Protein backbone atom coordinates (compact mmCIF):
# COMPACT_ATOMS: atom_id res chain seq x y z
CA UNK A 1 -23.05 -4.74 -30.62
CA UNK A 2 -23.52 -1.94 -28.12
CA UNK A 3 -26.42 -3.81 -26.54
CA UNK A 4 -24.26 -6.91 -26.11
CA UNK A 5 -21.49 -4.83 -24.51
CA UNK A 6 -23.90 -3.30 -22.03
CA UNK A 7 -25.28 -6.74 -21.29
CA UNK A 8 -21.72 -7.99 -20.67
CA UNK A 9 -21.05 -5.15 -18.23
CA UNK A 10 -23.99 -6.29 -16.12
CA UNK A 11 -22.01 -9.39 -15.12
CA UNK A 12 -19.99 -9.18 -11.92
CA UNK A 13 -16.25 -8.63 -12.13
CA UNK A 14 -15.57 -12.14 -10.86
CA UNK A 15 -17.67 -13.66 -13.66
CA UNK A 16 -16.10 -11.42 -16.29
CA UNK A 17 -12.57 -12.26 -15.18
CA UNK A 18 -13.26 -16.00 -15.24
CA UNK A 19 -14.91 -15.73 -18.68
CA UNK A 20 -12.04 -13.71 -20.17
CA UNK A 21 -9.33 -15.92 -18.68
CA UNK A 22 -11.14 -19.08 -19.81
CA UNK A 23 -11.62 -17.66 -23.31
CA UNK A 24 -7.93 -16.78 -23.51
CA UNK A 25 -6.99 -20.25 -22.28
CA UNK A 26 -9.29 -21.89 -24.84
CA UNK A 27 -7.91 -19.70 -27.63
CA UNK A 28 -4.34 -20.49 -26.65
CA UNK A 29 -5.13 -24.21 -26.43
CA UNK A 30 -6.76 -24.12 -29.88
CA UNK A 31 -3.85 -22.30 -31.46
CA UNK A 32 -1.26 -24.50 -29.82
CA UNK A 33 -3.25 -27.68 -30.58
CA UNK A 34 -3.81 -26.73 -34.21
CA UNK A 35 -0.18 -25.83 -34.74
CA UNK A 36 0.98 -29.01 -32.98
CA UNK A 37 -1.43 -31.14 -35.05
CA UNK A 38 -0.23 -29.56 -38.29
CA UNK A 39 3.40 -30.04 -37.34
CA UNK A 40 2.70 -33.60 -36.29
CA UNK A 41 1.02 -34.43 -39.61
CA UNK A 42 3.84 -32.85 -41.61
CA UNK A 43 6.47 -34.61 -39.52
CA UNK A 44 4.82 -38.01 -39.95
CA UNK A 45 4.43 -37.50 -43.69
CA UNK A 46 8.10 -36.61 -43.97
CA UNK A 47 9.11 -39.50 -41.75
CA UNK A 48 7.09 -42.06 -43.77
CA UNK A 49 8.37 -40.59 -47.07
CA UNK A 50 11.99 -40.72 -45.90
CA UNK A 51 11.47 -44.25 -44.64
CA UNK A 52 10.02 -45.37 -47.99
CA UNK A 53 12.93 -43.73 -49.86
CA UNK A 54 15.56 -45.30 -47.60
CA UNK A 55 14.01 -48.76 -47.93
CA UNK A 56 13.85 -48.38 -51.74
CA UNK A 57 17.51 -47.33 -51.89
CA UNK A 58 18.49 -50.24 -49.69
CA UNK A 59 16.64 -52.75 -51.90
CA UNK A 60 18.06 -51.15 -55.08
CA UNK A 61 21.57 -51.77 -53.76
CA UNK A 62 21.01 -55.48 -52.98
CA UNK A 63 23.12 -57.75 -55.31
CA UNK A 64 20.33 -60.33 -55.56
CA UNK A 65 17.94 -57.69 -56.81
CA UNK A 66 20.48 -56.35 -59.32
CA UNK A 67 21.18 -59.84 -60.76
CA UNK A 68 17.47 -60.72 -60.87
CA UNK A 69 16.68 -57.51 -62.76
CA UNK A 70 19.47 -58.18 -65.25
CA UNK A 71 18.03 -61.67 -65.80
CA UNK A 72 14.46 -60.34 -65.68
CA UNK A 73 13.77 -63.02 -63.06
CA UNK A 74 10.30 -61.98 -61.87
CA UNK A 75 9.91 -65.02 -59.62
CA UNK A 76 12.98 -64.17 -57.56
CA UNK A 77 12.11 -60.48 -57.46
CA UNK A 78 8.55 -61.21 -56.26
CA UNK A 79 9.90 -63.43 -53.50
CA UNK A 80 12.36 -60.77 -52.38
CA UNK A 81 9.80 -57.93 -52.55
CA UNK A 82 7.12 -59.89 -50.66
CA UNK A 83 9.55 -60.81 -47.90
CA UNK A 84 10.94 -57.27 -47.57
CA UNK A 85 7.43 -55.70 -47.66
CA UNK A 86 6.41 -57.86 -44.71
CA UNK A 87 9.65 -57.15 -42.90
CA UNK A 88 9.32 -53.33 -43.30
CA UNK A 89 5.51 -53.16 -42.84
CA UNK A 90 5.27 -51.65 -46.31
CA UNK A 91 2.04 -51.62 -48.33
CA UNK A 92 3.93 -52.78 -51.40
CA UNK A 93 7.34 -53.08 -53.01
CA UNK A 94 7.31 -52.85 -56.81
CA UNK A 95 10.42 -53.50 -58.96
CA UNK A 96 10.64 -52.48 -62.63
CA UNK A 97 13.20 -52.52 -65.39
CA UNK A 98 14.89 -49.52 -67.01
CA UNK A 99 11.78 -48.88 -69.09
CA UNK A 100 9.47 -48.82 -66.11
CA UNK A 101 7.96 -52.23 -66.85
CA UNK A 102 7.03 -54.11 -63.66
CA UNK A 103 9.09 -57.19 -62.86
CA UNK A 104 7.67 -57.63 -59.34
CA UNK A 105 4.28 -56.56 -57.91
CA UNK A 106 1.95 -57.82 -55.14
CA UNK A 107 -0.70 -58.27 -57.80
CA UNK A 108 0.59 -60.81 -60.41
CA UNK A 109 -1.75 -59.34 -63.02
CA UNK A 110 0.24 -56.10 -62.93
CA UNK A 111 3.58 -57.76 -63.79
CA UNK A 112 4.76 -56.90 -67.26
CA UNK A 113 2.80 -53.70 -67.42
CA UNK A 114 4.07 -50.10 -67.14
CA UNK A 115 4.40 -48.56 -63.72
CA UNK A 116 2.69 -45.47 -65.17
CA UNK A 117 -0.63 -47.34 -65.28
CA UNK A 118 -1.50 -46.39 -61.70
CA UNK A 119 -0.67 -42.71 -61.42
CA UNK A 120 1.02 -41.70 -64.68
CA UNK A 121 4.45 -41.59 -63.03
CA UNK A 122 7.00 -43.38 -65.24
CA UNK A 123 9.79 -42.86 -62.75
CA UNK A 124 11.80 -40.64 -65.07
CA UNK A 125 13.40 -38.81 -62.14
CA UNK A 126 14.95 -42.08 -61.00
CA UNK A 127 15.47 -43.79 -64.36
CA UNK A 128 16.79 -40.84 -66.33
CA UNK A 129 18.30 -38.55 -63.70
CA UNK A 130 19.39 -41.32 -61.38
CA UNK A 131 17.90 -39.63 -58.30
CA UNK A 132 15.66 -41.12 -55.65
CA UNK A 133 12.54 -39.19 -54.71
CA UNK A 134 9.30 -39.30 -52.71
CA UNK A 135 5.77 -38.70 -53.90
CA UNK A 136 2.21 -39.22 -52.74
CA UNK A 137 -0.13 -40.91 -55.19
CA UNK A 138 -3.29 -42.97 -55.56
CA UNK A 139 -2.42 -46.33 -57.06
CA UNK A 140 -4.06 -49.69 -57.54
CA UNK A 141 -3.43 -50.49 -53.86
CA UNK A 142 -4.78 -47.20 -52.58
CA UNK A 143 -3.39 -43.82 -51.49
CA UNK A 144 0.20 -44.22 -50.46
CA UNK A 145 3.48 -42.45 -49.74
CA UNK A 146 6.08 -43.75 -52.15
CA UNK A 147 9.85 -43.75 -52.22
CA UNK A 148 11.50 -44.55 -55.59
CA UNK A 149 15.19 -45.25 -56.22
CA UNK A 150 17.16 -46.25 -59.37
CA UNK A 151 18.92 -49.63 -59.62
CA UNK A 152 22.42 -49.64 -61.09
CA UNK A 153 24.21 -52.62 -62.62
CA UNK A 154 26.91 -54.37 -60.68
CA UNK A 155 29.52 -52.05 -62.10
CA UNK A 156 27.46 -49.07 -60.90
CA UNK A 157 27.58 -47.41 -64.29
CA UNK A 158 24.18 -47.99 -65.93
CA UNK A 159 20.64 -47.75 -64.61
CA UNK A 160 18.96 -51.09 -65.17
CA UNK A 161 15.76 -50.71 -63.15
CA UNK A 162 13.74 -48.98 -60.46
CA UNK A 163 12.44 -49.90 -56.98
CA UNK A 164 9.22 -48.34 -55.59
CA UNK A 165 8.34 -48.79 -51.89
CA UNK A 166 4.92 -47.61 -50.73
CA UNK A 167 3.39 -47.09 -47.30
CA UNK A 168 -0.36 -46.75 -46.97
CA UNK A 169 -1.50 -43.31 -45.86
CA UNK A 170 -4.18 -45.01 -43.80
CA UNK A 171 -1.29 -46.18 -41.63
CA UNK A 172 -0.06 -42.63 -41.46
CA UNK A 173 -3.54 -41.42 -40.55
CA UNK A 174 -3.83 -44.09 -37.87
CA UNK A 175 -0.57 -42.89 -36.32
CA UNK A 176 -1.73 -39.29 -36.58
CA UNK A 177 -5.04 -40.18 -34.92
CA UNK A 178 -3.23 -41.92 -32.08
CA UNK A 179 -0.95 -38.93 -31.49
CA UNK A 180 -3.89 -36.55 -31.89
CA UNK A 181 -5.86 -38.28 -29.11
CA UNK A 182 -2.90 -37.87 -26.79
CA UNK A 183 -2.33 -34.30 -27.88
CA UNK A 184 -5.91 -33.18 -27.40
CA UNK A 185 -6.16 -35.14 -24.18
CA UNK A 186 -3.21 -33.17 -22.80
CA UNK A 187 -4.68 -29.92 -24.15
CA UNK A 188 -8.02 -30.69 -22.51
CA UNK A 189 -6.33 -31.31 -19.15
CA UNK A 190 -4.36 -28.07 -19.61
CA UNK A 191 -7.59 -26.22 -20.45
CA UNK A 192 -9.34 -27.57 -17.37
CA UNK A 193 -6.30 -26.60 -15.28
CA UNK A 194 -6.35 -23.12 -16.84
CA UNK A 195 -10.03 -22.73 -15.98
CA UNK A 196 -9.31 -23.73 -12.38
CA UNK A 197 -6.38 -21.30 -12.19
CA UNK A 198 -8.58 -18.59 -13.74
CA UNK A 199 -11.19 -19.12 -11.03
CA UNK A 200 -8.54 -18.97 -8.28
CA UNK A 201 -6.95 -15.83 -9.77
CA UNK A 202 -10.33 -14.13 -10.21
CA UNK A 203 -11.38 -14.85 -6.63
CA UNK A 204 -8.05 -13.75 -5.20
CA UNK A 205 -8.14 -10.58 -7.30
CA UNK A 206 -11.68 -9.85 -6.11
CA UNK A 207 -10.59 -10.40 -2.51
CA UNK A 208 -7.63 -8.06 -2.96
CA UNK A 209 -9.98 -5.25 -4.05
CA UNK A 210 -12.32 -5.96 -1.12
CA UNK A 211 -15.03 -7.47 -3.30
CA UNK A 212 -15.70 -4.19 -5.11
CA UNK A 213 -16.93 -3.89 -8.67
CA UNK A 214 -15.12 -1.59 -11.18
CA UNK A 215 -17.88 1.04 -11.06
CA UNK A 216 -17.73 1.02 -7.27
CA UNK A 217 -13.94 1.45 -7.36
CA UNK A 218 -14.27 4.34 -9.81
CA UNK A 219 -16.91 5.99 -7.63
CA UNK A 220 -14.79 5.55 -4.49
CA UNK A 221 -11.79 7.01 -6.30
CA UNK A 222 -13.80 10.08 -7.32
CA UNK A 223 -15.18 10.44 -3.79
CA UNK A 224 -11.68 10.08 -2.37
CA UNK A 225 -10.34 12.86 -4.63
CA UNK A 226 -13.28 15.11 -3.76
CA UNK A 227 -12.82 14.43 -0.04
CA UNK A 228 -9.09 15.15 -0.14
CA UNK A 229 -9.64 18.45 -1.90
CA UNK A 230 -12.53 19.50 0.35
CA UNK A 231 -10.86 19.08 3.74
CA UNK A 232 -9.03 22.08 5.14
CA UNK A 233 -6.10 20.00 6.39
CA UNK A 234 -3.09 19.27 4.23
CA UNK A 235 -2.81 15.54 3.54
CA UNK A 236 0.24 13.58 2.36
CA UNK A 237 0.45 9.81 1.83
CA UNK A 238 3.56 7.77 0.98
CA UNK A 239 4.12 4.13 0.11
CA UNK A 240 6.56 1.66 1.69
CA UNK A 241 9.45 3.04 -0.38
CA UNK A 242 8.79 6.60 0.82
CA UNK A 243 7.37 7.77 -2.53
CA UNK A 244 4.48 10.23 -2.44
CA UNK A 245 1.16 8.74 -3.58
CA UNK A 246 -1.25 11.46 -2.39
CA UNK A 247 -0.73 15.20 -2.02
CA UNK A 248 -3.80 17.46 -1.89
CA UNK A 249 -4.01 21.14 -2.81
CA UNK A 250 -4.19 22.35 0.80
CA UNK A 251 -0.91 20.54 1.54
CA UNK A 252 0.77 22.39 -1.35
CA UNK A 253 -0.68 25.70 -0.16
CA UNK A 254 0.15 25.15 3.52
CA UNK A 255 3.74 24.11 2.84
CA UNK A 256 4.28 26.85 0.27
CA UNK A 257 5.25 24.47 -2.55
CA UNK A 258 5.06 25.10 -6.28
CA UNK A 259 1.57 24.07 -7.38
CA UNK A 260 2.72 23.56 -10.98
CA UNK A 261 5.31 20.90 -10.11
CA UNK A 262 4.45 17.21 -10.26
CA UNK A 263 4.91 15.96 -6.71
CA UNK A 264 3.26 12.55 -7.01
CA UNK A 265 5.89 9.81 -7.34
CA UNK A 266 8.72 11.85 -5.81
CA UNK A 267 10.48 10.79 -2.64
CA UNK A 268 9.18 12.43 0.53
CA UNK A 269 12.82 13.14 1.45
CA UNK A 270 13.23 15.26 -1.68
CA UNK A 271 10.04 17.28 -1.13
CA UNK A 272 10.20 17.51 2.70
CA UNK A 273 13.73 16.56 3.82
CA UNK A 274 12.92 16.51 7.55
CA UNK A 275 9.56 14.74 7.37
CA UNK A 276 8.69 12.58 10.36
CA UNK A 277 6.68 10.22 8.15
CA UNK A 278 9.80 8.11 7.60
CA UNK A 279 9.94 7.36 11.33
CA UNK A 280 6.35 6.05 11.12
CA UNK A 281 7.48 3.72 8.31
CA UNK A 282 10.28 2.44 10.53
CA UNK A 283 8.41 1.76 13.78
CA UNK A 284 4.79 1.57 12.58
CA UNK A 285 3.60 3.67 15.53
CA UNK A 286 0.99 6.46 15.07
CA UNK A 287 1.77 10.02 16.16
CA UNK A 288 -1.07 12.28 17.26
CA UNK A 289 -1.35 16.07 17.73
CA UNK A 290 2.36 16.82 17.38
CA UNK A 291 3.41 20.46 17.34
CA UNK A 292 6.07 21.28 14.77
CA UNK A 293 7.64 24.49 13.53
CA UNK A 294 7.99 24.84 9.76
CA UNK A 295 8.70 27.95 7.68
CA UNK A 296 8.18 30.15 10.75
CA UNK A 297 4.73 28.64 11.28
CA UNK A 298 3.53 26.39 14.07
CA UNK A 299 1.55 23.36 12.88
CA UNK A 300 -0.42 20.51 14.37
CA UNK A 301 0.44 17.16 12.76
CA UNK A 302 -1.03 13.65 12.91
CA UNK A 303 0.80 10.72 11.34
CA UNK A 304 -0.67 7.26 10.90
CA UNK A 305 0.77 4.03 9.46
CA UNK A 306 -1.12 2.42 6.57
CA UNK A 307 -1.46 -1.35 6.90
CA UNK A 308 -2.86 -4.09 4.71
CA UNK A 309 -3.56 -6.86 7.15
CA UNK A 310 -0.40 -7.00 9.22
CA UNK A 311 1.85 -5.61 6.48
CA UNK A 312 2.95 -1.97 6.68
CA UNK A 313 2.39 -0.49 3.21
CA UNK A 314 2.86 3.25 3.83
CA UNK A 315 2.00 6.23 5.99
CA UNK A 316 -0.34 9.24 5.87
CA UNK A 317 0.06 12.65 7.48
CA UNK A 318 -2.54 15.36 8.04
CA UNK A 319 -1.60 18.83 9.22
CA UNK A 320 -2.82 22.39 9.46
CA UNK A 321 -1.45 25.69 10.80
CA UNK A 322 -1.64 25.74 14.55
CA UNK A 323 -3.14 29.23 14.65
CA UNK A 324 -6.38 27.86 13.16
CA UNK A 325 -6.61 25.32 15.96
CA UNK A 326 -5.44 27.88 18.47
CA UNK A 327 -8.18 30.29 17.46
CA UNK A 328 -10.89 27.87 18.52
CA UNK A 329 -8.92 26.73 21.56
CA UNK A 330 -8.26 30.32 22.64
CA UNK A 331 -11.92 31.23 22.41
CA UNK A 332 -12.86 28.21 24.50
CA UNK A 333 -10.13 29.01 27.02
CA UNK A 334 -11.32 32.60 27.32
CA UNK A 335 -14.91 31.48 27.83
CA UNK A 336 -13.79 29.01 30.50
CA UNK A 337 -11.72 31.68 32.26
CA UNK A 338 -14.54 34.19 32.16
CA UNK A 339 -16.97 31.58 33.46
CA UNK A 340 -14.65 30.61 36.33
CA UNK A 341 -13.98 34.23 37.13
CA UNK A 342 -17.67 35.18 37.12
CA UNK A 343 -18.57 32.16 39.23
CA UNK A 344 -15.88 32.96 41.78
CA UNK A 345 -16.77 36.65 41.88
CA UNK A 346 -20.46 35.89 42.18
CA UNK A 347 -19.84 33.56 45.10
CA UNK A 348 -17.37 35.89 46.78
CA UNK A 349 -19.41 39.06 46.38
CA UNK A 350 -22.54 37.27 47.44
CA UNK A 351 -20.84 36.56 50.76
CA UNK A 352 -19.55 40.16 51.00
CA UNK A 353 -22.96 41.61 50.23
CA UNK A 354 -24.55 39.48 52.92
CA UNK A 355 -21.90 40.70 55.37
CA UNK A 356 -22.43 44.35 54.39
CA UNK A 357 -26.22 43.94 54.62
CA UNK A 358 -25.84 42.48 58.09
CA UNK A 359 -23.63 45.36 59.25
CA UNK A 360 -26.12 47.93 57.94
CA UNK A 361 -29.00 46.16 59.69
CA UNK A 362 -27.00 46.29 62.90
CA UNK A 363 -26.36 49.98 62.38
CA UNK A 364 -22.63 49.50 61.97
CA UNK A 365 -22.47 51.82 58.99
CA UNK A 366 -18.83 52.80 59.44
CA UNK A 367 -17.71 49.18 59.53
CA UNK A 368 -19.77 48.53 56.37
CA UNK A 369 -18.14 51.47 54.57
CA UNK A 370 -14.69 50.36 55.70
CA UNK A 371 -15.29 46.84 54.36
CA UNK A 372 -16.54 48.16 51.03
CA UNK A 373 -13.54 50.50 50.70
CA UNK A 374 -11.09 47.75 51.62
CA UNK A 375 -12.53 45.24 49.16
CA UNK A 376 -12.63 47.72 46.30
CA UNK A 377 -9.11 49.01 46.90
CA UNK A 378 -7.61 45.54 47.28
CA UNK A 379 -9.19 44.18 44.10
CA UNK A 380 -8.42 47.33 42.08
CA UNK A 381 -4.82 47.32 43.26
CA UNK A 382 -4.36 43.71 42.14
CA UNK A 383 -5.83 44.41 38.69
CA UNK A 384 -3.79 47.56 38.15
CA UNK A 385 -0.54 45.85 39.14
CA UNK A 386 -1.34 42.89 36.94
CA UNK A 387 -2.12 45.01 33.87
CA UNK A 388 1.23 46.78 34.21
CA UNK A 389 3.12 43.48 34.44
CA UNK A 390 1.23 41.34 31.88
CA UNK A 391 0.26 42.41 28.37
CA UNK A 392 -1.30 39.15 27.19
CA UNK A 393 -5.05 39.31 27.95
CA UNK A 394 -5.39 35.53 28.23
CA UNK A 395 -2.64 35.27 30.83
CA UNK A 396 -3.99 38.30 32.74
CA UNK A 397 -7.52 36.84 32.69
CA UNK A 398 -6.17 33.55 34.04
CA UNK A 399 -4.44 35.25 36.97
CA UNK A 400 -7.52 37.34 37.80
CA UNK A 401 -9.64 34.20 37.75
CA UNK A 402 -7.21 32.38 40.05
CA UNK A 403 -7.09 35.46 42.32
CA UNK A 404 -10.87 35.35 42.71
CA UNK A 405 -10.76 31.59 43.20
CA UNK A 406 -8.22 32.00 45.99
CA UNK A 407 -10.43 34.57 47.74
CA UNK A 408 -13.37 32.20 47.40
CA UNK A 409 -11.32 29.53 49.21
CA UNK A 410 -10.28 32.01 51.88
CA UNK A 411 -6.71 32.18 50.56
CA UNK A 412 -4.51 34.91 49.12
CA UNK A 413 -2.92 34.81 45.66
CA UNK A 414 -0.04 37.23 45.35
CA UNK A 415 1.71 38.27 42.14
CA UNK A 416 5.15 39.58 43.05
CA UNK A 417 5.59 43.30 42.36
CA UNK A 418 8.70 42.87 40.18
CA UNK A 419 6.95 40.34 37.91
CA UNK A 420 6.99 41.12 34.21
CA UNK A 421 5.63 39.18 31.21
CA UNK A 422 5.47 41.59 28.28
CA UNK A 423 6.44 39.31 25.39
CA UNK A 424 5.28 35.76 24.68
CA UNK A 425 6.91 34.26 21.53
CA UNK A 426 4.61 33.10 18.75
CA UNK A 427 5.56 29.43 19.06
CA UNK A 428 4.59 29.42 22.76
CA UNK A 429 0.80 29.57 22.41
CA UNK A 430 -0.92 31.64 25.10
CA UNK A 431 -3.73 29.18 25.79
CA UNK A 432 -1.34 26.27 26.44
CA UNK A 433 0.89 28.48 28.55
CA UNK A 434 -2.17 29.56 30.55
CA UNK A 435 -3.21 25.92 30.92
CA UNK A 436 0.21 25.02 32.37
CA UNK A 437 0.33 27.98 34.76
CA UNK A 438 -3.29 27.42 35.77
CA UNK A 439 -2.53 23.79 36.65
CA UNK A 440 0.40 24.81 38.84
CA UNK A 441 -1.65 27.51 40.63
CA UNK A 442 -4.63 25.17 41.15
CA UNK A 443 -2.35 22.56 42.72
CA UNK A 444 -0.74 25.22 44.92
CA UNK A 445 -4.14 26.53 46.10
CA UNK A 446 -5.38 23.02 46.87
CA UNK A 447 -2.20 22.09 48.77
CA UNK A 448 -2.29 25.36 50.75
CA UNK A 449 -5.99 24.97 51.61
CA UNK A 450 -5.50 21.42 52.89
CA UNK A 451 -2.36 22.09 54.94
CA UNK A 452 -2.46 25.75 56.01
CA UNK A 453 -6.15 26.52 55.98
CA UNK A 454 -7.68 30.05 55.76
CA UNK A 455 -5.42 33.02 55.11
CA UNK A 456 -2.83 30.81 53.43
CA UNK A 457 -0.76 32.48 50.70
CA UNK A 458 0.20 31.29 47.22
CA UNK A 459 2.85 33.42 45.56
CA UNK A 460 3.37 33.78 41.81
CA UNK A 461 6.26 35.53 40.10
CA UNK A 462 7.25 35.69 36.45
CA UNK A 463 9.82 37.30 34.23
CA UNK A 464 10.65 37.46 30.52
CA UNK A 465 14.12 38.95 31.00
CA UNK A 466 16.91 36.94 29.42
CA UNK A 467 16.54 34.00 27.04
CA UNK A 468 13.80 32.20 28.99
CA UNK A 469 10.29 32.81 30.24
CA UNK A 470 10.34 31.93 33.95
CA UNK A 471 7.27 31.26 36.12
CA UNK A 472 7.59 30.61 39.83
CA UNK A 473 4.69 29.26 41.96
CA UNK A 474 5.17 28.90 45.74
CA UNK A 475 2.59 27.34 48.08
CA UNK A 476 2.22 26.75 51.82
CA UNK A 477 1.20 23.12 51.46
CA UNK A 478 2.49 20.03 53.20
CA UNK A 479 5.44 19.59 50.85
CA UNK A 480 6.51 16.56 48.82
CA UNK A 481 8.70 13.62 49.72
CA UNK A 482 11.70 12.75 47.56
CA UNK A 483 9.80 9.78 46.15
CA UNK A 484 6.75 11.92 45.34
CA UNK A 485 8.94 14.51 43.60
CA UNK A 486 10.30 11.80 41.26
CA UNK A 487 6.79 10.59 40.34
CA UNK A 488 4.69 13.73 40.40
CA UNK A 489 4.92 14.28 36.62
CA UNK A 490 4.08 10.66 35.74
CA UNK A 491 0.79 10.11 33.95
CA UNK A 492 -1.91 8.98 36.40
CA UNK A 493 0.13 9.69 39.56
CA UNK A 494 -1.73 11.60 42.26
CA UNK A 495 -1.60 11.98 46.02
CA UNK A 496 -5.43 11.95 45.98
CA UNK A 497 -7.61 8.87 45.79
CA UNK A 498 -9.88 10.43 43.16
CA UNK A 499 -9.45 8.68 39.78
CA UNK A 500 -9.97 12.00 37.95
CA UNK A 501 -6.59 13.30 39.09
CA UNK A 502 -3.07 12.56 37.85
CA UNK A 503 -3.15 14.25 34.42
CA UNK A 504 -2.56 17.96 35.12
CA UNK A 505 1.16 17.91 35.91
CA UNK A 506 1.75 15.23 33.27
CA UNK A 507 0.32 17.53 30.59
CA UNK A 508 2.35 20.46 31.95
CA UNK A 509 5.58 18.46 31.68
CA UNK A 510 4.61 17.21 28.21
CA UNK A 511 4.09 20.78 26.97
CA UNK A 512 7.29 22.07 28.57
CA UNK A 513 9.37 19.17 27.22
CA UNK A 514 8.08 19.65 23.68
CA UNK A 515 9.24 23.25 23.78
CA UNK A 516 12.69 22.43 25.12
CA UNK A 517 11.93 23.77 28.62
CA UNK A 518 12.23 22.41 32.13
CA UNK A 519 10.47 22.36 35.52
CA UNK A 520 12.34 22.45 38.80
CA UNK A 521 10.72 21.37 42.07
CA UNK A 522 11.94 22.42 45.52
CA UNK A 523 9.92 21.09 48.42
CA UNK A 524 10.20 20.78 52.19
CA UNK A 525 7.86 18.52 54.13
CA UNK A 526 5.56 20.58 56.36
CA UNK A 527 6.58 23.91 54.81
CA UNK A 528 5.55 23.96 51.15
CA UNK A 529 6.76 23.59 47.59
CA UNK A 530 8.17 25.77 44.84
CA UNK A 531 7.61 24.95 41.16
CA UNK A 532 9.81 26.86 38.70
CA UNK A 533 8.97 26.60 35.00
CA UNK A 534 11.54 27.54 32.30
CA UNK A 535 10.55 28.00 28.65
CA UNK A 536 13.17 29.09 26.07
CA UNK A 537 12.05 32.03 23.96
CA UNK A 538 13.68 30.54 20.88
CA UNK A 539 12.51 26.99 21.46
CA UNK A 540 12.24 24.73 18.41
CA UNK A 541 9.35 22.35 18.56
CA UNK A 542 9.98 18.68 17.92
CA UNK A 543 9.83 17.80 14.23
CA UNK A 544 10.57 19.93 11.22
CA UNK A 545 8.07 18.80 8.56
CA UNK A 546 4.81 16.85 8.34
C-alpha cells in the first residue's frame, strides 16, 4: 500500500487532480445511477401492480360480469376477458367463482380448475376478506404482476367470484430497459462533461499556482519563512482588506510589539493605526526610501503594492531604524569629505610649496617666511573659529573641505564670526544636512568663480538659536532671474548644458520639505544670490508608521 502511495505521488499535480476529480465524478454517477435505477424499477413495479388491481376492480364491478358469474356463463366471461385483456394490454384476465374455480381463462383447458393450480394462491384475501390485492407470481403464462379483486352480487352483499388481471414482467423489464438506456446515456454524458470540467479546473488551478508542484510550493514556503526571518529589515504584508498576512520577528522587535500576541489576521489599522500601507492600497503607487519618525526613532521605509496580473491584492512594507543606514552613510560621507579635503589641500599646498621654493631660490627668504606665516595663521584661525562654532565633526569637516576647495579655486570661503551650530536634533541626520549645505556652497563657489573670478567671496552663516536651524549662503555670482528662481528646485533644471546637473538643489528641497522646513532665495542680477535654509528643530517627518 505504501509503495502504491509513493508511486501515486510521482504523478504531476495536474494528473492527480484530473484523476481524483474523474474518480469522484464516476463514483457520484454510479451512486446516482444505481439509486435512480432502483427507484425506477420499484416505481414501475408499483405502477404495473396498481394498474392490474384497478383493472381487476373495474371488471369486477361490471354488471355483465356479475350476471355471467351468477349464471356460470363461461362463454360470455371468456369473450369479455379476451376483449378487455387486448384493450388493456394485459397478459391475461382470469375470472373465477366464489370457490376459486376458473370460469374464464385464456387457455380453455384451465377452465373449471382451481386458480391455486398455478401458484398456490386461492385468492382468500379477496374471496374471504373482500379486499383487492397485488402479488407477483409465476403462473402457467409466465412470471407476472397480478391484481385480484372480489366480485359482489348485484345487491353488493355477497362475494360471488374473483377477477385476476396479470401483466407480464417481461413487459415491465422491457420498460425498465428502455428507461435504463436513457438514464445511463444521460449519466454517461454527465460523466464525460465532468471529466472535461475536471480537466479545465485542474489546468486553471495549476495556472493559478504558477505551474508549481506541491513539494515545490512547500519548499518555497519554507524558503520564504527562512528568508523573512533572516533579513535584518522588518517586513509587513497585508491583503486587499488590510489584514496582516506576514509579520516577521524583526518587525515585531523594531516596532516594540508584544512577541507573544498573534498579529497575523489582524487589521493593520489596529496594530499600526497610522500606517501608510493603506495609502498604497488606495493608489497602487510604490513609495521608496521614506523617512518616518516612530516611537522616537527615525526609520527608512519602502512600501510596494502587490499585484496579481493587473489586480491589486495587497501591499508589503520593509523598514529598519535609520541609524543603521545612517551609520554606513555617515562613514561614506566622512571618507568622501576627507578625500576631497586631502585632494584640495594637496593641490593647494603643492602650489604654495612651489612658490616658497621659488622665493628661496631667488634669495627672497623674508618673503618666503612671510608667506609661510600668513598661510599658517590664516588656516589655523579658520579652524579654531570653526571648532568654537560647530560641535558636529561631520559638519565641521564639510566646511573645512569647502574652505580648502575655495582656496584651490582662488576664492575665499568665510564663516561669519557670530555663527553657532552646537545642537543638531536626532531626526535631522548630520550626513543629509551636510549634503544639503555642501550643495548650496558648491553652487555658490561655482557661481562666484564664473562671474567674479579670483578673490571672490562666498559667505556662510548659521545659527541654532530659536526653534529653527538656519543656514545662510551668500555668493558673488551673476544672480538669478525671476523665472530661474521659480524653477531652480525642479528636478533636472540647470543653467548649465551638462546633463549631469539639475539634481543637487532638487534633493536639497526634497530633504528640507520632508522635515517641514523651507528655503528662501534672494537674488539680484549681476550682484549675487542668498540662499537661506530653515529647518525646524522639532520637525516631524512625513508618515507615522510603516
